[in-house]
């Protein structure tokens, strides 16, 4: 069964993340991904970048992945507003 730690490793291997948090139960996962590569990209493009990194694992190992994809500036703004 896929673990959050393994999924985290898959994402880290393909994206240079400033911050990465992954949780889940082995089938359903949630990820908060902060990455400079997301700058200037719309939400759908950011998600496509993550899906590209995960490739066939999205069909085979991962049943569901909910993502929050942020640039470092967006993440800093979220922290300051909380």
N, C-alpha and C. Protein backbone atom coordinates (compact mmCIF):
# COMPACT_ATOMS: atom_id res chain seq x y z
N UNK A 1 0.85 -1.19 0.00
CA UNK A 1 0.00 0.00 0.00
C UNK A 1 0.89 1.25 0.00
N UNK A 2 0.49 2.20 -0.79
CA UNK A 2 1.23 3.46 -0.89
C UNK A 2 1.08 4.26 0.40
N UNK A 3 2.18 4.81 0.86
CA UNK A 3 2.16 5.64 2.07
C UNK A 3 2.31 7.11 1.69
N UNK A 4 1.90 8.01 2.58
CA UNK A 4 2.12 9.44 2.32
C UNK A 4 3.60 9.76 2.10
N UNK A 5 4.48 9.07 2.82
CA UNK A 5 5.91 9.32 2.70
C UNK A 5 6.42 8.93 1.31
N UNK A 6 5.91 7.80 0.78
CA UNK A 6 6.32 7.36 -0.55
C UNK A 6 5.82 8.34 -1.60
N UNK A 7 4.56 8.77 -1.48
CA UNK A 7 4.00 9.74 -2.42
C UNK A 7 4.79 11.04 -2.36
N UNK A 8 5.16 11.45 -1.17
CA UNK A 8 5.98 12.64 -1.00
C UNK A 8 7.30 12.50 -1.77
N UNK A 9 7.91 11.34 -1.67
CA UNK A 9 9.15 11.07 -2.39
C UNK A 9 8.99 11.15 -3.90
N UNK A 10 7.87 10.63 -4.41
CA UNK A 10 7.60 10.71 -5.85
C UNK A 10 7.51 12.17 -6.30
N UNK A 11 6.79 12.98 -5.54
CA UNK A 11 6.62 14.38 -5.91
C UNK A 11 7.96 15.12 -5.81
N UNK A 12 8.69 14.89 -4.74
CA UNK A 12 9.99 15.55 -4.55
C UNK A 12 10.99 15.18 -5.64
N UNK A 13 10.88 13.98 -6.16
CA UNK A 13 11.81 13.52 -7.21
C UNK A 13 11.60 14.28 -8.52
N UNK A 14 10.38 14.81 -8.72
CA UNK A 14 10.09 15.48 -9.97
C UNK A 14 9.90 16.98 -9.90
N UNK A 15 9.70 17.51 -8.70
CA UNK A 15 9.50 18.94 -8.53
C UNK A 15 10.40 19.46 -7.41
N UNK A 16 11.03 20.59 -7.63
CA UNK A 16 11.84 21.22 -6.59
C UNK A 16 10.89 22.01 -5.69
N UNK A 17 10.41 21.36 -4.64
CA UNK A 17 9.42 21.97 -3.75
C UNK A 17 10.09 22.78 -2.65
N UNK A 18 9.52 23.94 -2.38
CA UNK A 18 9.97 24.74 -1.24
C UNK A 18 9.36 24.17 0.04
N UNK A 19 8.12 23.69 -0.08
CA UNK A 19 7.42 23.04 1.03
C UNK A 19 6.57 21.93 0.44
N UNK A 20 6.42 20.84 1.18
CA UNK A 20 5.59 19.74 0.71
C UNK A 20 5.05 18.98 1.92
N UNK A 21 3.74 18.93 2.00
CA UNK A 21 3.07 18.17 3.05
C UNK A 21 2.13 17.19 2.37
N UNK A 22 2.20 15.92 2.76
CA UNK A 22 1.33 14.90 2.19
C UNK A 22 0.73 14.09 3.32
N UNK A 23 -0.57 13.88 3.25
CA UNK A 23 -1.24 13.01 4.22
C UNK A 23 -2.19 12.11 3.44
N UNK A 24 -2.62 11.03 4.08
CA UNK A 24 -3.55 10.13 3.41
C UNK A 24 -3.61 8.78 4.06
N UNK A 25 -4.50 7.95 3.52
CA UNK A 25 -4.78 6.64 4.11
C UNK A 25 -4.33 5.46 3.25
N UNK A 26 -3.56 5.73 2.22
CA UNK A 26 -3.11 4.66 1.34
C UNK A 26 -3.82 4.65 0.00
N UNK A 27 -4.98 5.25 -0.09
CA UNK A 27 -5.74 5.35 -1.33
C UNK A 27 -6.11 6.79 -1.65
N UNK A 28 -6.51 7.54 -0.64
CA UNK A 28 -6.91 8.94 -0.79
C UNK A 28 -5.86 9.81 -0.11
N UNK A 29 -5.37 10.80 -0.85
CA UNK A 29 -4.29 11.63 -0.33
C UNK A 29 -4.61 13.11 -0.49
N UNK A 30 -3.98 13.90 0.37
CA UNK A 30 -4.04 15.36 0.29
C UNK A 30 -2.60 15.86 0.29
N UNK A 31 -2.33 16.84 -0.58
CA UNK A 31 -0.98 17.38 -0.65
C UNK A 31 -1.04 18.91 -0.72
N UNK A 32 -0.15 19.52 0.02
CA UNK A 32 0.07 20.98 -0.06
C UNK A 32 1.47 21.14 -0.62
N UNK A 33 1.53 21.69 -1.83
CA UNK A 33 2.79 21.76 -2.56
C UNK A 33 3.12 23.23 -2.84
N UNK A 34 4.26 23.66 -2.35
CA UNK A 34 4.74 25.02 -2.60
C UNK A 34 5.97 24.89 -3.48
N UNK A 35 5.89 25.53 -4.67
CA UNK A 35 6.95 25.33 -5.66
C UNK A 35 7.12 26.59 -6.51
N UNK A 36 8.35 27.02 -6.70
CA UNK A 36 8.64 28.19 -7.54
C UNK A 36 8.22 27.95 -8.99
N UNK A 37 8.25 26.72 -9.44
CA UNK A 37 7.88 26.40 -10.82
C UNK A 37 6.41 26.70 -11.12
N UNK A 38 5.60 26.89 -10.08
CA UNK A 38 4.19 27.21 -10.27
C UNK A 38 3.96 28.69 -10.61
N UNK A 39 4.97 29.52 -10.43
CA UNK A 39 4.82 30.95 -10.66
C UNK A 39 4.39 31.22 -12.10
N UNK A 40 3.35 32.05 -12.26
CA UNK A 40 2.85 32.42 -13.57
C UNK A 40 1.94 31.38 -14.21
N UNK A 41 1.66 30.30 -13.49
CA UNK A 41 0.82 29.24 -14.05
C UNK A 41 -0.54 29.21 -13.37
N UNK A 42 -1.55 28.88 -14.15
CA UNK A 42 -2.90 28.73 -13.61
C UNK A 42 -3.00 27.43 -12.83
N UNK A 43 -4.05 27.31 -12.05
CA UNK A 43 -4.26 26.14 -11.20
C UNK A 43 -4.21 24.84 -12.00
N UNK A 44 -4.89 24.78 -13.12
CA UNK A 44 -4.92 23.55 -13.91
C UNK A 44 -3.52 23.17 -14.39
N UNK A 45 -2.72 24.15 -14.79
CA UNK A 45 -1.36 23.87 -15.25
C UNK A 45 -0.50 23.34 -14.10
N UNK A 46 -0.71 23.89 -12.91
CA UNK A 46 0.04 23.43 -11.73
C UNK A 46 -0.30 21.97 -11.44
N UNK A 47 -1.59 21.64 -11.48
CA UNK A 47 -2.01 20.27 -11.22
C UNK A 47 -1.47 19.33 -12.29
N UNK A 48 -1.48 19.78 -13.54
CA UNK A 48 -0.94 18.96 -14.62
C UNK A 48 0.54 18.67 -14.43
N UNK A 49 1.27 19.64 -13.87
CA UNK A 49 2.69 19.42 -13.58
C UNK A 49 2.86 18.30 -12.57
N UNK A 50 2.03 18.30 -11.53
CA UNK A 50 2.11 17.25 -10.51
C UNK A 50 1.70 15.91 -11.11
N UNK A 51 0.61 15.89 -11.89
CA UNK A 51 0.18 14.64 -12.53
C UNK A 51 1.26 14.10 -13.45
N UNK A 52 1.96 14.96 -14.16
CA UNK A 52 3.04 14.52 -15.05
C UNK A 52 4.16 13.85 -14.26
N UNK A 53 4.47 14.40 -13.09
CA UNK A 53 5.50 13.81 -12.23
C UNK A 53 5.07 12.42 -11.76
N UNK A 54 3.80 12.28 -11.43
CA UNK A 54 3.30 11.01 -10.90
C UNK A 54 3.02 9.98 -11.99
N UNK A 55 2.78 10.44 -13.21
CA UNK A 55 2.60 9.55 -14.35
C UNK A 55 1.56 8.46 -14.12
N UNK A 56 1.92 7.23 -14.46
CA UNK A 56 1.00 6.09 -14.38
C UNK A 56 0.59 5.76 -12.95
N UNK A 57 1.31 6.27 -11.99
CA UNK A 57 0.94 6.00 -10.59
C UNK A 57 -0.46 6.55 -10.28
N UNK A 58 -0.87 7.59 -11.01
CA UNK A 58 -2.21 8.16 -10.79
C UNK A 58 -3.30 7.16 -11.16
N UNK A 59 -3.02 6.27 -12.08
CA UNK A 59 -4.00 5.25 -12.46
C UNK A 59 -3.84 3.97 -11.67
N UNK A 60 -2.62 3.67 -11.27
CA UNK A 60 -2.34 2.37 -10.67
C UNK A 60 -2.33 2.38 -9.14
N UNK A 61 -1.65 3.35 -8.54
CA UNK A 61 -1.45 3.34 -7.09
C UNK A 61 -2.31 4.35 -6.32
N UNK A 62 -2.61 5.47 -6.96
CA UNK A 62 -3.27 6.57 -6.26
C UNK A 62 -4.72 6.65 -6.71
N UNK A 63 -5.63 6.41 -5.80
CA UNK A 63 -7.06 6.46 -6.13
C UNK A 63 -7.53 7.91 -6.23
N UNK A 64 -7.11 8.75 -5.29
CA UNK A 64 -7.53 10.15 -5.29
C UNK A 64 -6.45 11.01 -4.66
N UNK A 65 -6.24 12.18 -5.28
CA UNK A 65 -5.26 13.13 -4.76
C UNK A 65 -5.85 14.53 -4.81
N UNK A 66 -6.02 15.12 -3.65
CA UNK A 66 -6.48 16.50 -3.53
C UNK A 66 -5.25 17.36 -3.31
N UNK A 67 -5.10 18.39 -4.14
CA UNK A 67 -3.89 19.20 -4.07
C UNK A 67 -4.19 20.67 -3.81
N UNK A 68 -3.32 21.28 -3.04
CA UNK A 68 -3.28 22.73 -2.90
C UNK A 68 -1.90 23.11 -3.42
N UNK A 69 -1.86 23.78 -4.57
CA UNK A 69 -0.60 24.13 -5.21
C UNK A 69 -0.38 25.63 -5.11
N UNK A 70 0.73 26.01 -4.51
CA UNK A 70 1.01 27.42 -4.23
C UNK A 70 2.42 27.81 -4.66
N UNK A 71 2.57 29.08 -5.01
CA UNK A 71 3.92 29.63 -5.19
C UNK A 71 4.42 30.01 -3.79
N UNK A 72 5.72 30.23 -3.63
CA UNK A 72 6.22 30.67 -2.32
C UNK A 72 5.56 31.97 -1.85
N UNK A 73 5.30 32.90 -2.76
CA UNK A 73 4.66 34.17 -2.38
C UNK A 73 3.23 33.93 -1.90
N UNK A 74 2.50 33.03 -2.57
CA UNK A 74 1.13 32.71 -2.14
C UNK A 74 1.13 32.04 -0.78
N UNK A 75 2.10 31.15 -0.55
CA UNK A 75 2.19 30.48 0.74
C UNK A 75 2.49 31.47 1.85
N UNK A 76 3.38 32.42 1.60
CA UNK A 76 3.73 33.44 2.59
C UNK A 76 2.50 34.32 2.88
N UNK A 77 1.75 34.65 1.84
CA UNK A 77 0.55 35.45 2.01
C UNK A 77 -0.49 34.71 2.85
N UNK A 78 -0.65 33.42 2.61
CA UNK A 78 -1.58 32.61 3.40
C UNK A 78 -1.18 32.57 4.87
N UNK A 79 0.13 32.45 5.12
CA UNK A 79 0.60 32.41 6.50
C UNK A 79 0.35 33.74 7.21
N UNK A 80 0.55 34.84 6.51
CA UNK A 80 0.41 36.16 7.14
C UNK A 80 -1.06 36.52 7.36
N UNK A 81 -1.96 35.93 6.59
CA UNK A 81 -3.38 36.24 6.77
C UNK A 81 -4.03 35.36 7.83
N UNK A 82 -3.33 34.36 8.31
CA UNK A 82 -3.90 33.46 9.35
C UNK A 82 -3.53 33.91 10.73
